């Protein structure tokens, strides 16, 4: 996942609520990535969603890349 990639919300793995009940149903664009941990391998993403909302520090497991930027 990189800044500029188009993503969709897939929700939290193993959650009892379906993704359409827990997040946006539109696609969004990754606007920033945050790297944590000693090796920087713990990543969170900020996403600007098509409905005008903004997702801060989203876990990569909760979003899926739809289209990668070249």
N, C-alpha and C. Protein backbone atom coordinates (compact mmCIF):
# COMPACT_ATOMS: atom_id res chain seq x y z
N UNK A 1 0.84 -1.17 0.00
CA UNK A 1 0.00 0.00 0.00
C UNK A 1 0.89 1.24 0.00
N UNK A 2 0.49 2.19 -0.86
CA UNK A 2 1.26 3.44 -0.97
C UNK A 2 0.32 4.63 -0.99
N UNK A 3 0.88 5.80 -0.70
CA UNK A 3 0.11 7.03 -0.81
C UNK A 3 -0.37 7.18 -2.24
N UNK A 4 -1.64 7.49 -2.42
CA UNK A 4 -2.23 7.63 -3.75
C UNK A 4 -3.03 6.42 -4.20
N UNK A 5 -2.87 5.29 -3.52
CA UNK A 5 -3.64 4.10 -3.87
C UNK A 5 -5.12 4.31 -3.55
N UNK A 6 -5.98 3.75 -4.38
CA UNK A 6 -7.42 3.75 -4.13
C UNK A 6 -7.75 2.50 -3.32
N UNK A 7 -8.49 2.70 -2.23
CA UNK A 7 -8.80 1.59 -1.33
C UNK A 7 -10.30 1.54 -1.03
N UNK A 8 -10.74 0.38 -0.52
CA UNK A 8 -12.11 0.24 -0.04
C UNK A 8 -12.06 -0.34 1.36
N UNK A 9 -13.07 -0.04 2.14
CA UNK A 9 -13.19 -0.52 3.51
C UNK A 9 -13.67 -1.96 3.50
N UNK A 10 -12.95 -2.86 4.16
CA UNK A 10 -13.38 -4.25 4.24
C UNK A 10 -13.71 -4.63 5.69
N UNK A 11 -13.47 -3.74 6.62
CA UNK A 11 -13.82 -3.98 8.01
C UNK A 11 -12.76 -4.74 8.77
N UNK A 12 -13.08 -5.02 10.00
CA UNK A 12 -12.15 -5.71 10.88
C UNK A 12 -12.28 -7.22 10.73
N UNK A 13 -11.17 -7.92 10.51
CA UNK A 13 -11.22 -9.37 10.38
C UNK A 13 -11.85 -10.01 11.62
N UNK A 14 -12.81 -10.88 11.40
CA UNK A 14 -13.45 -11.59 12.49
C UNK A 14 -14.51 -10.80 13.23
N UNK A 15 -14.82 -9.59 12.77
CA UNK A 15 -15.83 -8.77 13.45
C UNK A 15 -17.22 -9.38 13.27
N UNK A 16 -18.07 -9.16 14.26
CA UNK A 16 -19.43 -9.70 14.18
C UNK A 16 -20.33 -8.83 13.30
N UNK A 17 -19.96 -7.57 13.09
CA UNK A 17 -20.74 -6.69 12.22
C UNK A 17 -20.15 -6.69 10.82
N UNK A 18 -20.97 -6.69 9.79
CA UNK A 18 -20.45 -6.65 8.41
C UNK A 18 -19.83 -5.28 8.11
N UNK A 19 -18.89 -5.21 7.14
CA UNK A 19 -18.20 -3.96 6.83
C UNK A 19 -19.13 -2.79 6.53
N UNK A 20 -20.26 -3.05 5.87
CA UNK A 20 -21.15 -1.94 5.53
C UNK A 20 -21.78 -1.29 6.76
N UNK A 21 -21.69 -1.94 7.91
CA UNK A 21 -22.21 -1.38 9.16
C UNK A 21 -21.13 -0.67 9.97
N UNK A 22 -19.86 -0.85 9.60
CA UNK A 22 -18.77 -0.33 10.44
C UNK A 22 -17.94 0.76 9.79
N UNK A 23 -18.13 1.02 8.50
CA UNK A 23 -17.30 2.02 7.84
C UNK A 23 -17.92 2.50 6.56
N UNK A 24 -17.19 3.33 5.83
CA UNK A 24 -17.73 3.88 4.59
C UNK A 24 -17.95 2.82 3.52
N UNK A 25 -18.95 3.04 2.68
CA UNK A 25 -19.23 2.08 1.61
C UNK A 25 -18.65 2.55 0.28
N UNK A 26 -17.97 3.69 0.29
CA UNK A 26 -17.37 4.24 -0.92
C UNK A 26 -15.88 3.93 -0.95
N UNK A 27 -15.22 4.25 -2.03
CA UNK A 27 -13.77 4.09 -2.11
C UNK A 27 -13.10 5.36 -1.61
N UNK A 28 -11.81 5.24 -1.31
CA UNK A 28 -11.05 6.39 -0.83
C UNK A 28 -9.64 6.36 -1.34
N UNK A 29 -8.89 7.39 -1.03
CA UNK A 29 -7.50 7.51 -1.45
C UNK A 29 -6.60 7.59 -0.22
N UNK A 30 -5.54 6.80 -0.21
CA UNK A 30 -4.56 6.85 0.87
C UNK A 30 -3.80 8.17 0.75
N UNK A 31 -3.88 9.00 1.79
CA UNK A 31 -3.21 10.31 1.74
C UNK A 31 -1.95 10.36 2.58
N UNK A 32 -1.78 9.38 3.47
CA UNK A 32 -0.59 9.38 4.31
C UNK A 32 -0.43 8.01 4.95
N UNK A 33 0.82 7.62 5.17
CA UNK A 33 1.15 6.37 5.86
C UNK A 33 2.01 6.70 7.07
N UNK A 34 1.76 6.01 8.18
CA UNK A 34 2.52 6.20 9.41
C UNK A 34 3.21 4.88 9.73
N UNK A 35 4.52 4.95 9.97
CA UNK A 35 5.31 3.75 10.27
C UNK A 35 5.73 3.80 11.73
N UNK A 36 5.49 2.69 12.44
CA UNK A 36 5.83 2.58 13.85
C UNK A 36 6.69 1.35 14.08
N UNK A 37 7.18 1.21 15.29
CA UNK A 37 7.97 0.06 15.65
C UNK A 37 9.44 0.26 15.34
N UNK A 38 10.24 -0.61 15.86
CA UNK A 38 11.69 -0.51 15.69
C UNK A 38 12.08 -0.57 14.22
N UNK A 39 11.46 -1.45 13.46
CA UNK A 39 11.78 -1.61 12.05
C UNK A 39 10.84 -0.81 11.15
N UNK A 40 9.87 -0.13 11.73
CA UNK A 40 8.92 0.63 10.93
C UNK A 40 7.93 -0.25 10.18
N UNK A 41 7.76 -1.48 10.65
CA UNK A 41 6.90 -2.41 9.93
C UNK A 41 5.45 -2.43 10.43
N UNK A 42 5.16 -1.64 11.46
CA UNK A 42 3.79 -1.49 11.93
C UNK A 42 3.24 -0.23 11.25
N UNK A 43 2.28 -0.41 10.35
CA UNK A 43 1.83 0.69 9.49
C UNK A 43 0.37 1.03 9.77
N UNK A 44 0.05 2.32 9.71
CA UNK A 44 -1.33 2.82 9.76
C UNK A 44 -1.50 3.78 8.57
N UNK A 45 -2.74 3.87 8.07
CA UNK A 45 -3.01 4.70 6.89
C UNK A 45 -4.07 5.74 7.21
N UNK A 46 -3.91 6.93 6.64
CA UNK A 46 -4.95 7.95 6.64
C UNK A 46 -5.59 7.92 5.27
N UNK A 47 -6.93 7.88 5.25
CA UNK A 47 -7.67 7.74 3.99
C UNK A 47 -8.73 8.83 3.88
N UNK A 48 -8.76 9.48 2.73
CA UNK A 48 -9.81 10.43 2.41
C UNK A 48 -10.87 9.66 1.61
N UNK A 49 -12.07 9.51 2.22
CA UNK A 49 -13.13 8.73 1.60
C UNK A 49 -13.95 9.57 0.65
N UNK A 50 -14.55 8.91 -0.34
CA UNK A 50 -15.34 9.57 -1.37
C UNK A 50 -16.58 10.27 -0.86
N UNK A 51 -17.05 9.91 0.34
CA UNK A 51 -18.24 10.57 0.90
C UNK A 51 -17.88 11.82 1.70
N UNK A 52 -16.59 12.20 1.68
CA UNK A 52 -16.15 13.41 2.37
C UNK A 52 -15.60 13.15 3.77
N UNK A 53 -15.73 11.94 4.26
CA UNK A 53 -15.19 11.63 5.59
C UNK A 53 -13.70 11.31 5.49
N UNK A 54 -13.06 11.23 6.64
CA UNK A 54 -11.62 11.00 6.69
C UNK A 54 -11.32 9.93 7.72
N UNK A 55 -10.55 8.92 7.33
CA UNK A 55 -10.15 7.85 8.25
C UNK A 55 -8.73 8.08 8.73
N UNK A 56 -8.55 8.17 10.04
CA UNK A 56 -7.23 8.38 10.63
C UNK A 56 -6.67 7.09 11.20
N UNK A 57 -5.41 6.83 10.89
CA UNK A 57 -4.67 5.73 11.49
C UNK A 57 -5.39 4.38 11.35
N UNK A 58 -5.84 4.07 10.14
CA UNK A 58 -6.54 2.82 9.87
C UNK A 58 -5.54 1.67 9.76
N UNK A 59 -5.91 0.54 10.32
CA UNK A 59 -5.08 -0.66 10.20
C UNK A 59 -5.15 -1.17 8.76
N UNK A 60 -4.02 -1.58 8.19
CA UNK A 60 -4.03 -2.09 6.82
C UNK A 60 -4.95 -3.29 6.61
N UNK A 61 -5.22 -4.04 7.66
CA UNK A 61 -6.10 -5.21 7.56
C UNK A 61 -7.56 -4.81 7.33
N UNK A 62 -7.90 -3.54 7.56
CA UNK A 62 -9.29 -3.08 7.44
C UNK A 62 -9.59 -2.45 6.08
N UNK A 63 -8.56 -2.30 5.25
CA UNK A 63 -8.76 -1.72 3.92
C UNK A 63 -8.10 -2.59 2.87
N UNK A 64 -8.63 -2.52 1.66
CA UNK A 64 -8.10 -3.32 0.56
C UNK A 64 -7.79 -2.40 -0.61
N UNK A 65 -6.62 -2.57 -1.20
CA UNK A 65 -6.22 -1.76 -2.36
C UNK A 65 -7.05 -2.19 -3.57
N UNK A 66 -7.72 -1.21 -4.19
CA UNK A 66 -8.52 -1.45 -5.37
C UNK A 66 -7.72 -1.13 -6.62
N UNK A 67 -6.94 -0.06 -6.54
CA UNK A 67 -6.14 0.38 -7.67
C UNK A 67 -4.87 1.02 -7.15
N UNK A 68 -3.73 0.49 -7.60
CA UNK A 68 -2.44 1.03 -7.16
C UNK A 68 -2.01 2.19 -8.06
N UNK A 69 -1.36 3.17 -7.44
CA UNK A 69 -0.81 4.28 -8.20
C UNK A 69 0.48 3.80 -8.87
N UNK A 70 0.73 4.26 -10.06
CA UNK A 70 1.95 3.87 -10.79
C UNK A 70 3.13 4.69 -10.39
